[in-house]
Amino acid sequence: MTISQQNFALCEQAQGFLSRDVQQLVIDGQRVPAASGQTLTTVNPSTGEVLARLAAGEQADVDRAVLAARKAFHGPWSTWTPYQRQALLTRIAQVLDEKFEELIHIEAMDMGAPVSRLRNTKPALTKMLSFFASQAANISGETLMNGIPGNVTTMTLKAPVGVIGGIIPWNGPLNSQFWIIGAVLASGCTAVLKPSEDASLSVLRVAEILHEAGTPAGVVNVVTGLGKEAGHALAAHPDVDRIAFTGSTETGRRIIEASTVNIKKLQLELGGKSADIVCADADLDKAVPGAAMGVFANSGQICFAGTRVLVQRPIVDEFTERLLAFMKTLRVGHSLDAAATLGPVISQPQLDKVLSYIDVGRDEGAELLCGGQRLEGELENGYFLEPSVFGGVTNEMRIAREEIFGPVLSILPFDDVDEAIAIANDSEYGLGGAVWSQNLSSALRVVHGVHTGTMWVNCYGYIDPLVGFGGTRLSGYGSKGSAAHMDTYLYSKSVYIEL
C-alpha cells in the first residue's frame, strides 16, 4: 500500500478548501484569477503528488493588490480607532481558534510538518494575536520640552507607515504570516502578502478568514506566484512603503537592492548557522533532547536551528552516545500520521540540496554517525530523509559554515568556554544560539560573548512576542516582537504648535 492510499484523517473543512480547481489570488476582499490566467502547481511533500493549482501572479497582479491596499489605507480603515482594531484582532483570534484544525491540516499537507507538531503551535499563535491586540491600544507619542522662544508646544505622533509588502517563508507560513498581519492590523497599515510558491495555501485560507472576521476589503491582500516575478515586483514596487521578509540571505540581498527604488523600510530575518554550546557540567538529560530538537524540529527547516552543536571535550563521547540513542525515538512519517515526529523536507530540490551536503561532509572527513539516506519503502515518493548526525566536525568544514536547512546536526568538540565562544563567533551569521551549563557564570560568559540576536540558556527555541527576536550580520536586521517590532510599522511625526 502506498503512502497516498493510506487512510490518514484529513478534516472535512480542509478537504473542501483543497478540492478547489484553482486557488485564486485574494485582492480587495475578492478571490480573483491572475491577470495572465496562468497557474502553477504546489506539491504535497509527503507524497510527491500535486496538491493544488495556484494562480501565478506577476507584476500586473501586484499592481492591482498594491492599489487595493493603498485605497484601503486612505479609506474608512484609516478612521478605525485603536479599540476597534484591537477588537478586530480579538475576533480574528476567536475565529482562528474555531478553524485551527482546518488550518493545520492544510499546512501539514502543503509544507509537510506533522500535524501533531503543528497542533502544538496553537499557544504561540494565540500569544502573538494577544500581543498585537495589546499593541493596538499602546501606540503613543510624546509631549516634549523645547528651546523655542515664545509659547510653543512640541510633541511627536506615531502614524502608520502605509502599505506593507510581506514575503512569507515556506517553513511555517501559518504562524509566520501573523508577525506581519498582527502588526498591520494593530498599526492601521495595509498589506500585500506574497507567500512562497512551495507553501501558499494556509496564507490564502487565512486571508479569507480575516474577511469573515470583519477585516475590511483591501486591508490584507495575497498574491501567489514565483519569487522572481511576484516577489520581485512587490519588493521593487514604488508604492510599497515597507518590506518584511523571512528567507535566505541570498534573496535578502536582492530585496535590499530592489527596495532602493523608494528607500523602503526593511525587516529581514535571513539565514543562520547557530551554535548550541554544551558544557561539561550540563544536565545531559535536558541538553541531549534539547540540542537534538533544536536541529530536527520541523525537519531542520528553521532559520535559527542550532546545527553546530559544540560539546566540551570531556563529555563528547557520552553526549554522542546519548544523542544517537535519542535519535532512535524519532519517527519520520507522513504529515498526517499522528505518530510522526518529523515530516519530509519541503521539495525535491531541497532534498537534493541536503543530500549534497551530506556528501560534502563525508568528503571533508567528517564521520556520518547516523542517517544520511533518503527513506524508501512506503515513504519513497515523498521527500523524506533520515535525520543525520556528523561527528568529528571542524568549524572550517562547509557543513559547519553553510546553512543546510535540513535535518543535519554537526558535533564540534571544544576545550574551554573561551574557545566555544570563538568558534560560535567564527561565522557569517548571527541569528540564534544556546548554552547548556549548570554554572551561571559560565552561561553568562557565553551569553555576553556570542555575537547573535537570540541566546537561550538550558533551553532552545523559545520565542515570545513580548520579548522578540532578530539577527545580526548576514542573519538580517529588525525585530520580530517587542515594541521595536511595532515601531517599524509606524513613523514619528514632529508637531510644533504656537499658541
Protein backbone atom coordinates (compact mmCIF):
# COMPACT_ATOMS: atom_id res chain seq x y z
CA MET A 1 0.00 0.00 0.00
CA THR A 2 1.45 3.39 -0.97
CA ILE A 3 1.51 6.35 1.34
CA SER A 4 -1.13 8.15 -0.78
CA GLN A 5 -3.53 5.22 -0.30
CA GLN A 6 -3.31 5.15 3.48
CA ASN A 7 -6.30 6.43 5.37
CA PHE A 8 -4.87 9.45 7.14
CA ALA A 9 -7.62 11.62 8.55
CA LEU A 10 -7.97 14.97 6.77
CA CYS A 11 -10.64 17.17 8.32
CA GLU A 12 -13.70 17.88 6.19
CA GLN A 13 -13.17 21.64 6.06
CA ALA A 14 -9.62 21.22 4.79
CA GLN A 15 -10.85 18.76 2.17
CA GLY A 16 -13.34 21.33 0.93
CA PHE A 17 -10.68 24.02 0.62
CA LEU A 18 -8.19 21.72 -1.11
CA SER A 19 -10.80 20.47 -3.59
CA ARG A 20 -10.97 23.83 -5.39
CA ASP A 21 -9.92 23.69 -9.02
CA VAL A 22 -7.62 26.72 -8.66
CA GLN A 23 -6.59 28.67 -5.55
CA GLN A 24 -7.09 32.26 -6.64
CA LEU A 25 -5.42 35.48 -5.55
CA VAL A 26 -7.12 37.49 -2.80
CA ILE A 27 -7.32 41.16 -3.81
CA ASP A 28 -9.65 43.78 -2.36
CA GLY A 29 -11.60 41.12 -0.49
CA GLN A 30 -12.28 39.01 -3.58
CA ARG A 31 -10.88 35.75 -4.94
CA VAL A 32 -9.63 36.60 -8.44
CA PRO A 33 -7.52 34.82 -11.08
CA ALA A 34 -4.11 36.04 -12.17
CA ALA A 35 -4.31 38.65 -14.92
CA SER A 36 -2.46 36.27 -17.24
CA GLY A 37 -4.77 33.38 -16.43
CA GLN A 38 -1.69 31.26 -15.76
CA THR A 39 -1.35 28.82 -12.86
CA LEU A 40 1.39 26.86 -11.14
CA THR A 41 1.23 23.69 -9.09
CA THR A 42 2.12 23.02 -5.49
CA VAL A 43 3.08 19.53 -4.31
CA ASN A 44 2.37 17.55 -1.15
CA PRO A 45 5.90 16.81 0.12
CA SER A 46 4.71 13.66 1.89
CA THR A 47 3.66 12.03 -1.38
CA GLY A 48 5.25 13.98 -4.23
CA GLU A 49 1.76 14.39 -5.72
CA VAL A 50 0.22 17.63 -6.96
CA LEU A 51 -1.84 19.10 -4.14
CA ALA A 52 -3.29 22.25 -5.71
CA ARG A 53 -3.04 24.73 -8.54
CA LEU A 54 -2.23 28.32 -7.65
CA ALA A 55 -2.85 31.49 -9.61
CA ALA A 56 0.54 32.58 -10.98
CA GLY A 57 0.66 36.25 -10.03
CA GLU A 58 3.00 38.66 -11.80
CA GLN A 59 3.66 42.41 -11.97
CA ALA A 60 0.11 43.27 -13.07
CA ASP A 61 -1.36 41.37 -10.12
CA VAL A 62 0.98 43.01 -7.65
CA ASP A 63 -0.02 46.37 -9.10
CA ARG A 64 -3.71 45.53 -8.54
CA ALA A 65 -3.07 44.36 -4.99
CA VAL A 66 -0.96 47.39 -4.05
CA LEU A 67 -3.61 49.71 -5.49
CA ALA A 68 -6.27 47.96 -3.38
CA ALA A 69 -4.07 48.22 -0.28
CA ARG A 70 -3.38 51.92 -0.90
CA LYS A 71 -7.09 52.63 -1.44
CA ALA A 72 -7.95 50.82 1.80
CA PHE A 73 -5.21 52.65 3.69
CA HIS A 74 -6.72 56.02 2.80
CA GLY A 75 -10.31 54.78 3.06
CA PRO A 76 -12.58 54.07 6.04
CA TRP A 77 -9.89 51.82 7.57
CA SER A 78 -7.93 55.00 8.36
CA THR A 79 -10.73 56.13 10.68
CA TRP A 80 -10.75 52.99 12.81
CA THR A 81 -9.86 53.71 16.42
CA PRO A 82 -7.23 51.71 18.33
CA TYR A 83 -10.04 50.00 20.25
CA GLN A 84 -11.75 48.95 17.02
CA ARG A 85 -8.51 47.48 15.67
CA GLN A 86 -7.94 45.74 19.00
CA ALA A 87 -11.45 44.27 18.89
CA LEU A 88 -10.84 43.07 15.32
CA LEU A 89 -7.68 41.23 16.36
CA THR A 90 -9.61 39.64 19.23
CA ARG A 91 -12.35 38.46 16.85
CA ILE A 92 -9.74 37.07 14.47
CA ALA A 93 -8.19 35.12 17.34
CA GLN A 94 -11.58 33.61 18.15
CA VAL A 95 -12.28 32.61 14.55
CA LEU A 96 -8.81 31.13 14.13
CA ASP A 97 -9.34 29.11 17.29
CA GLU A 98 -12.52 27.66 15.78
CA LYS A 99 -10.82 26.88 12.46
CA PHE A 100 -7.42 25.83 13.78
CA GLU A 101 -7.78 22.14 12.94
CA GLU A 102 -8.68 23.00 9.35
CA LEU A 103 -5.68 25.30 9.08
CA ILE A 104 -3.13 22.85 10.47
CA HIS A 105 -4.36 20.11 8.16
CA ILE A 106 -3.95 22.45 5.18
CA GLU A 107 -0.47 23.41 6.43
CA ALA A 108 0.53 19.78 7.02
CA MET A 109 -0.46 18.77 3.51
CA ASP A 110 1.17 21.82 1.94
CA MET A 111 4.57 22.05 3.66
CA GLY A 112 4.95 18.67 5.34
CA ALA A 113 5.15 19.46 9.06
CA PRO A 114 3.47 16.70 11.11
CA VAL A 115 0.01 17.71 12.20
CA SER A 116 0.96 16.69 15.74
CA ARG A 117 3.73 19.32 15.74
CA LEU A 118 1.50 21.98 14.21
CA ARG A 119 -1.15 21.36 16.85
CA ASN A 120 1.43 22.33 19.47
CA THR A 121 1.94 25.73 17.81
CA LYS A 122 -1.52 26.94 18.80
CA PRO A 123 -0.38 28.62 22.06
CA ALA A 124 2.27 30.57 20.12
CA LEU A 125 -0.32 31.85 17.65
CA THR A 126 -2.68 32.79 20.46
CA LYS A 127 0.07 34.73 22.27
CA MET A 128 1.02 36.52 19.07
CA LEU A 129 -2.52 37.75 18.44
CA SER A 130 -2.90 38.78 22.09
CA PHE A 131 0.35 40.72 21.86
CA PHE A 132 -0.67 42.64 18.76
CA ALA A 133 -4.15 43.31 20.17
CA SER A 134 -2.48 44.90 23.18
CA GLN A 135 -0.18 46.95 20.94
CA ALA A 136 -3.12 48.41 19.03
CA ALA A 137 -4.08 50.39 22.14
CA ASN A 138 -0.50 51.13 23.13
CA ILE A 139 0.70 53.39 20.29
CA SER A 140 1.75 56.74 21.68
CA GLY A 141 3.86 59.80 21.04
CA GLU A 142 5.37 62.26 23.49
CA THR A 143 4.96 65.84 24.64
CA LEU A 144 8.45 67.34 24.60
CA MET A 145 10.20 70.31 26.10
CA ASN A 146 11.78 72.70 23.60
CA GLY A 147 14.07 75.70 23.42
CA ILE A 148 11.94 77.85 21.10
CA PRO A 149 11.21 81.42 22.33
CA GLY A 150 7.57 82.17 22.99
CA ASN A 151 4.62 79.95 23.76
CA VAL A 152 5.32 76.89 21.57
CA THR A 153 4.19 73.38 22.45
CA THR A 154 6.01 70.47 20.83
CA MET A 155 5.06 66.82 20.57
CA THR A 156 5.52 63.70 18.49
CA LEU A 157 2.82 61.50 16.98
CA LYS A 158 3.09 57.93 15.71
CA ALA A 159 1.37 57.21 12.40
CA PRO A 160 1.11 54.05 10.26
CA VAL A 161 3.77 53.75 7.55
CA GLY A 162 1.35 52.76 4.80
CA VAL A 163 1.38 49.69 2.54
CA ILE A 164 3.44 46.76 3.80
CA GLY A 165 4.85 44.09 1.49
CA GLY A 166 5.13 40.78 3.32
CA ILE A 167 7.18 37.96 1.78
CA ILE A 168 6.47 34.80 3.77
CA PRO A 169 8.70 31.69 4.02
CA TRP A 170 7.62 28.16 3.31
CA ASN A 171 8.90 26.61 6.54
CA GLY A 172 5.93 27.70 8.68
CA PRO A 173 3.62 30.14 6.90
CA LEU A 174 0.60 29.59 9.15
CA ASN A 175 2.23 31.29 12.12
CA SER A 176 4.84 33.33 10.23
CA GLN A 177 2.26 35.44 8.41
CA PHE A 178 0.90 36.80 11.70
CA TRP A 179 4.14 38.60 12.50
CA ILE A 180 3.07 40.80 9.58
CA ILE A 181 -0.72 40.63 9.75
CA GLY A 182 -0.78 41.30 13.51
CA ALA A 183 1.37 44.42 13.21
CA VAL A 184 -0.55 45.64 10.14
CA LEU A 185 -3.91 45.42 11.89
CA ALA A 186 -2.59 46.85 15.16
CA SER A 187 -0.93 49.84 13.49
CA GLY A 188 -3.52 50.74 10.86
CA CYS A 189 -1.31 49.82 7.89
CA THR A 190 -2.43 47.63 4.98
CA ALA A 191 -0.62 44.73 3.35
CA VAL A 192 0.11 42.72 0.25
CA LEU A 193 1.39 39.27 1.16
CA LYS A 194 3.42 37.09 -1.17
CA PRO A 195 3.71 33.54 0.21
CA SER A 196 6.26 31.04 -1.05
CA GLU A 197 5.19 29.15 -4.15
CA ASP A 198 6.03 25.97 -2.20
CA ALA A 199 3.56 26.69 0.62
CA SER A 200 0.85 29.26 -0.11
CA LEU A 201 -2.32 27.52 0.97
CA SER A 202 -2.60 28.44 4.65
CA VAL A 203 -1.93 32.10 3.77
CA LEU A 204 -4.76 32.09 1.22
CA ARG A 205 -7.15 30.45 3.68
CA VAL A 206 -6.23 32.89 6.43
CA ALA A 207 -6.93 35.83 4.11
CA GLU A 208 -10.47 34.51 3.67
CA ILE A 209 -10.85 34.03 7.42
CA LEU A 210 -9.70 37.60 8.07
CA HIS A 211 -12.55 38.88 5.90
CA GLU A 212 -15.02 36.54 7.61
CA ALA A 213 -13.92 38.07 10.93
CA GLY A 214 -14.59 41.61 9.69
CA THR A 215 -11.31 42.84 8.20
CA PRO A 216 -12.20 45.45 5.57
CA ALA A 217 -11.60 44.64 1.91
CA GLY A 218 -8.15 45.62 0.68
CA VAL A 219 -6.51 45.71 4.10
CA VAL A 220 -4.84 42.31 3.60
CA ASN A 221 -4.27 41.05 0.04
CA VAL A 222 -2.48 37.90 -1.14
CA VAL A 223 -0.66 37.43 -4.44
CA THR A 224 0.70 33.95 -5.10
CA GLY A 225 3.36 33.27 -7.71
CA LEU A 226 7.06 32.79 -8.23
CA GLY A 227 9.55 34.79 -6.23
CA LYS A 228 11.41 36.06 -9.27
CA GLU A 229 8.16 37.50 -10.63
CA ALA A 230 5.59 38.32 -7.94
CA GLY A 231 8.15 38.57 -5.13
CA HIS A 232 10.47 40.85 -7.04
CA ALA A 233 7.57 43.00 -8.22
CA LEU A 234 6.45 43.51 -4.63
CA ALA A 235 9.94 44.30 -3.30
CA ALA A 236 10.55 46.83 -6.09
CA HIS A 237 7.08 48.40 -6.13
CA PRO A 238 7.33 52.18 -5.72
CA ASP A 239 4.05 52.38 -3.79
CA VAL A 240 5.03 49.83 -1.14
CA ASP A 241 6.38 51.58 1.95
CA ARG A 242 7.92 48.70 3.89
CA ILE A 243 9.00 45.10 3.28
CA ALA A 244 9.01 42.33 5.88
CA PHE A 245 10.90 39.28 4.66
CA THR A 246 11.93 35.94 6.12
CA GLY A 247 14.08 33.68 3.99
CA SER A 248 17.56 33.13 2.63
CA THR A 249 20.37 35.64 2.84
CA GLU A 250 20.79 35.47 -0.94
CA THR A 251 17.17 36.51 -1.52
CA GLY A 252 17.51 39.13 1.21
CA ARG A 253 20.29 40.81 -0.74
CA ARG A 254 18.07 41.01 -3.80
CA ILE A 255 15.26 42.53 -1.74
CA ILE A 256 17.62 45.17 -0.37
CA GLU A 257 18.64 46.08 -3.92
CA ALA A 258 15.02 46.21 -5.11
CA SER A 259 13.95 48.33 -2.13
CA THR A 260 16.19 51.23 -3.16
CA VAL A 261 13.62 52.38 -5.71
CA ASN A 262 11.82 54.30 -2.96
CA ILE A 263 14.09 53.69 0.07
CA LYS A 264 11.70 51.23 1.73
CA LYS A 265 11.95 50.34 5.39
CA LEU A 266 13.05 46.70 5.74
CA GLN A 267 12.82 43.96 8.32
CA LEU A 268 14.87 40.94 7.28
CA GLU A 269 15.15 37.60 9.06
CA LEU A 270 17.68 35.70 6.99
CA GLY A 271 19.85 32.60 7.29
CA GLY A 272 21.61 31.16 10.30
CA LYS A 273 24.23 28.68 11.43
CA SER A 274 23.60 28.84 15.14
CA ALA A 275 25.93 27.37 17.75
CA ASP A 276 24.43 25.26 20.55
CA ILE A 277 27.11 25.01 23.27
CA VAL A 278 27.02 22.05 25.69
CA CYS A 279 29.39 22.49 28.63
CA ALA A 280 30.84 19.59 30.61
CA ASP A 281 28.62 20.37 33.60
CA ALA A 282 25.39 20.43 31.56
CA ASP A 283 22.41 18.36 32.60
CA LEU A 284 22.52 15.90 29.72
CA ASP A 285 19.02 14.64 30.44
CA LYS A 286 17.87 18.06 29.20
CA ALA A 287 20.73 19.03 26.91
CA VAL A 288 20.61 15.98 24.64
CA PRO A 289 16.94 16.15 23.61
CA GLY A 290 17.08 19.96 23.71
CA ALA A 291 20.04 20.15 21.34
CA ALA A 292 18.63 17.43 19.09
CA MET A 293 15.25 19.09 18.65
CA GLY A 294 16.99 22.44 18.29
CA VAL A 295 18.03 20.98 14.93
CA PHE A 296 15.49 18.32 13.98
CA ALA A 297 12.27 20.18 14.79
CA ASN A 298 10.49 20.92 11.52
CA SER A 299 12.98 18.58 9.82
CA GLY A 300 15.76 21.12 10.31
CA GLN A 301 13.87 23.79 8.36
CA ILE A 302 14.15 26.57 10.95
CA CYS A 303 16.31 29.66 10.43
CA PHE A 304 17.72 29.62 13.96
CA ALA A 305 18.27 25.84 14.14
CA GLY A 306 21.27 25.04 16.34
CA THR A 307 23.01 22.94 13.71
CA ARG A 308 26.52 23.44 15.15
CA VAL A 309 26.45 21.56 18.45
CA LEU A 310 29.63 22.45 20.33
CA VAL A 311 30.36 19.87 23.03
CA GLN A 312 33.08 20.21 25.68
CA ARG A 313 35.67 17.53 25.07
CA PRO A 314 35.36 15.55 28.35
CA ILE A 315 31.72 14.68 27.56
CA VAL A 316 31.82 14.32 23.76
CA ASP A 317 31.61 10.53 23.86
CA GLU A 318 28.81 10.41 26.43
CA PHE A 319 26.85 13.17 24.69
CA THR A 320 27.21 11.44 21.32
CA GLU A 321 26.12 8.09 22.72
CA ARG A 322 23.04 9.63 24.30
CA LEU A 323 22.25 11.62 21.19
CA LEU A 324 22.35 8.55 18.96
CA ALA A 325 20.06 6.75 21.41
CA PHE A 326 17.65 9.69 21.31
CA MET A 327 17.65 9.60 17.51
CA LYS A 328 16.06 6.16 17.65
CA THR A 329 12.98 7.67 19.32
CA LEU A 330 12.26 9.97 16.38
CA ARG A 331 9.68 8.73 13.89
CA VAL A 332 9.73 10.12 10.35
CA GLY A 333 6.39 9.90 8.61
CA HIS A 334 3.57 11.37 6.56
CA SER A 335 2.46 14.76 7.85
CA LEU A 336 -0.98 13.37 8.74
CA ASP A 337 0.49 10.39 10.61
CA ALA A 338 -0.38 11.07 14.25
CA ALA A 339 2.69 9.12 15.38
CA ALA A 340 5.18 11.07 13.24
CA THR A 341 7.58 13.44 14.99
CA LEU A 342 9.37 14.52 11.79
CA GLY A 343 7.94 15.03 8.31
CA PRO A 344 9.54 15.42 4.89
CA VAL A 345 11.58 18.37 3.70
CA ILE A 346 9.63 20.78 1.53
CA SER A 347 10.59 19.75 -2.02
CA GLN A 348 12.76 17.63 -4.28
CA PRO A 349 15.28 20.46 -4.80
CA GLN A 350 15.58 20.91 -1.03
CA LEU A 351 16.05 17.16 -0.56
CA ASP A 352 18.75 17.16 -3.23
CA LYS A 353 20.48 20.09 -1.53
CA VAL A 354 20.53 18.39 1.86
CA LEU A 355 21.80 15.11 0.40
CA SER A 356 24.54 17.01 -1.43
CA TYR A 357 25.72 18.49 1.89
CA ILE A 358 25.85 15.03 3.40
CA ASP A 359 28.19 14.04 0.57
CA VAL A 360 30.23 17.20 1.22
CA GLY A 361 30.54 16.31 4.90
CA ARG A 362 31.84 12.84 4.09
CA ASP A 363 34.26 14.23 1.52
CA GLU A 364 35.60 16.76 4.03
CA GLY A 365 36.40 13.99 6.51
CA ALA A 366 33.51 14.26 8.95
CA GLU A 367 32.12 10.97 10.29
CA LEU A 368 28.48 10.26 9.48
CA LEU A 369 27.27 8.67 12.72
CA CYS A 370 23.68 8.05 11.66
CA GLY A 371 21.19 8.83 8.91
CA GLY A 372 22.18 10.37 5.60
CA GLN A 373 19.82 8.43 3.33
CA ARG A 374 16.57 9.14 1.58
CA LEU A 375 13.87 6.93 3.04
CA GLU A 376 12.49 4.17 0.86
CA GLY A 377 9.56 1.78 1.04
CA GLU A 378 6.15 3.36 1.60
CA LEU A 379 7.72 6.80 2.04
CA GLU A 380 9.82 6.71 -1.14
CA ASN A 381 7.58 9.04 -3.16
CA GLY A 382 7.81 11.81 -0.58
CA TYR A 383 10.81 13.96 0.28
CA PHE A 384 11.83 12.05 3.38
CA LEU A 385 15.34 11.96 4.76
CA GLU A 386 16.79 10.16 7.74
CA PRO A 387 17.83 12.71 10.39
CA SER A 388 21.61 12.78 10.27
CA VAL A 389 24.45 13.35 12.74
CA PHE A 390 28.08 14.09 11.87
CA GLY A 391 30.93 13.70 14.35
CA GLY A 392 34.50 14.85 14.07
CA VAL A 393 33.45 18.17 12.52
CA THR A 394 35.70 21.22 12.49
CA ASN A 395 34.48 24.76 12.02
CA GLU A 396 36.34 25.09 8.73
CA MET A 397 34.16 22.45 7.05
CA ARG A 398 31.35 23.61 4.78
CA ILE A 399 28.78 21.64 6.79
CA ALA A 400 29.74 23.84 9.77
CA ARG A 401 29.74 27.12 7.85
CA GLU A 402 26.89 26.98 5.33
CA GLU A 403 23.18 26.81 6.04
CA ILE A 404 21.89 23.38 5.05
CA PHE A 405 18.26 23.89 6.13
CA GLY A 406 17.60 20.23 6.71
CA PRO A 407 17.86 17.59 9.46
CA VAL A 408 21.66 17.55 9.72
CA LEU A 409 23.48 18.05 13.05
CA SER A 410 27.24 18.53 13.39
CA ILE A 411 29.15 17.85 16.62
CA LEU A 412 32.19 20.08 17.18
CA PRO A 413 34.36 19.50 20.28
CA PHE A 414 35.86 22.35 22.32
CA ASP A 415 38.16 22.60 25.34
CA ASP A 416 37.06 25.67 27.28
CA VAL A 417 34.35 28.33 27.23
CA ASP A 418 36.55 30.92 25.54
CA GLU A 419 37.21 28.51 22.67
CA ALA A 420 33.48 27.77 22.38
CA ILE A 421 32.72 31.49 22.12
CA ALA A 422 35.42 31.91 19.47
CA ILE A 423 34.04 29.01 17.42
CA ALA A 424 30.47 30.30 17.76
CA ASN A 425 31.54 33.75 16.54
CA ASP A 426 33.54 32.35 13.62
CA SER A 427 30.52 32.57 11.34
CA GLU A 428 28.94 34.98 8.87
CA TYR A 429 25.63 34.55 10.65
CA GLY A 430 24.20 35.70 13.97
CA LEU A 431 20.60 34.59 14.48
CA GLY A 432 20.34 32.14 17.38
CA GLY A 433 22.45 30.23 19.85
CA ALA A 434 22.36 28.46 23.20
CA VAL A 435 24.43 27.29 26.13
CA TRP A 436 23.81 24.35 28.44
CA SER A 437 25.53 24.69 31.80
CA GLN A 438 24.65 24.49 35.49
CA ASN A 439 27.25 27.19 36.20
CA LEU A 440 25.60 30.59 35.91
CA SER A 441 28.92 32.39 35.49
CA SER A 442 29.92 30.18 32.55
CA ALA A 443 26.47 30.52 30.97
CA LEU A 444 26.51 34.32 31.22
CA ARG A 445 30.04 34.48 29.77
CA VAL A 446 28.70 32.70 26.73
CA VAL A 447 25.54 34.83 26.57
CA HIS A 448 27.60 38.03 26.59
CA GLY A 449 30.37 36.66 24.39
CA VAL A 450 28.46 35.21 21.44
CA HIS A 451 27.54 37.76 18.76
CA THR A 452 23.98 36.74 17.88
CA GLY A 453 20.44 38.03 18.03
CA THR A 454 18.99 35.49 20.48
CA MET A 455 20.56 33.26 23.13
CA TRP A 456 18.90 30.50 25.10
CA VAL A 457 20.25 29.10 28.37
CA ASN A 458 19.41 25.47 29.21
CA CYS A 459 16.65 25.50 26.59
CA TYR A 460 16.29 26.08 22.87
CA GLY A 461 13.83 27.79 20.57
CA TYR A 462 11.50 29.68 22.92
CA ILE A 463 10.00 32.73 21.19
CA ASP A 464 7.68 35.21 22.89
CA PRO A 465 6.30 38.32 21.15
CA LEU A 466 6.71 40.30 24.37
CA VAL A 467 10.47 39.73 24.16
CA GLY A 468 11.05 39.47 20.42
CA PHE A 469 13.98 38.17 18.41
CA GLY A 470 16.12 39.22 15.47
CA GLY A 471 19.50 38.78 13.86
CA THR A 472 22.88 40.38 13.25
CA ARG A 473 25.49 40.04 10.48
CA LEU A 474 24.16 38.09 7.48
CA SER A 475 21.17 36.96 9.53
CA GLY A 476 19.46 40.27 8.87
CA TYR A 477 18.13 43.11 10.97
CA GLY A 478 14.94 44.35 12.57
CA SER A 479 12.99 42.81 15.41
CA LYS A 480 10.08 40.39 15.39
CA GLY A 481 8.10 41.06 18.55
CA SER A 482 8.56 43.67 21.29
CA ALA A 483 7.81 47.38 20.97
CA ALA A 484 10.63 47.61 18.40
CA HIS A 485 8.58 45.45 16.02
CA MET A 486 5.63 47.83 16.08
CA ASP A 487 7.88 50.85 15.63
CA THR A 488 8.85 49.68 12.15
CA TYR A 489 5.18 49.80 11.08
CA LEU A 490 4.96 53.40 12.28
CA TYR A 491 6.77 56.63 11.68
CA SER A 492 7.23 59.60 14.02
CA LYS A 493 5.77 62.98 13.15
CA SER A 494 7.06 66.04 14.99
CA VAL A 495 4.48 68.72 15.74
CA TYR A 496 5.10 72.38 16.68
CA ILE A 497 2.12 74.41 17.95
CA GLU A 498 2.45 78.16 18.59
CA LEU A 499 -0.28 79.41 20.89
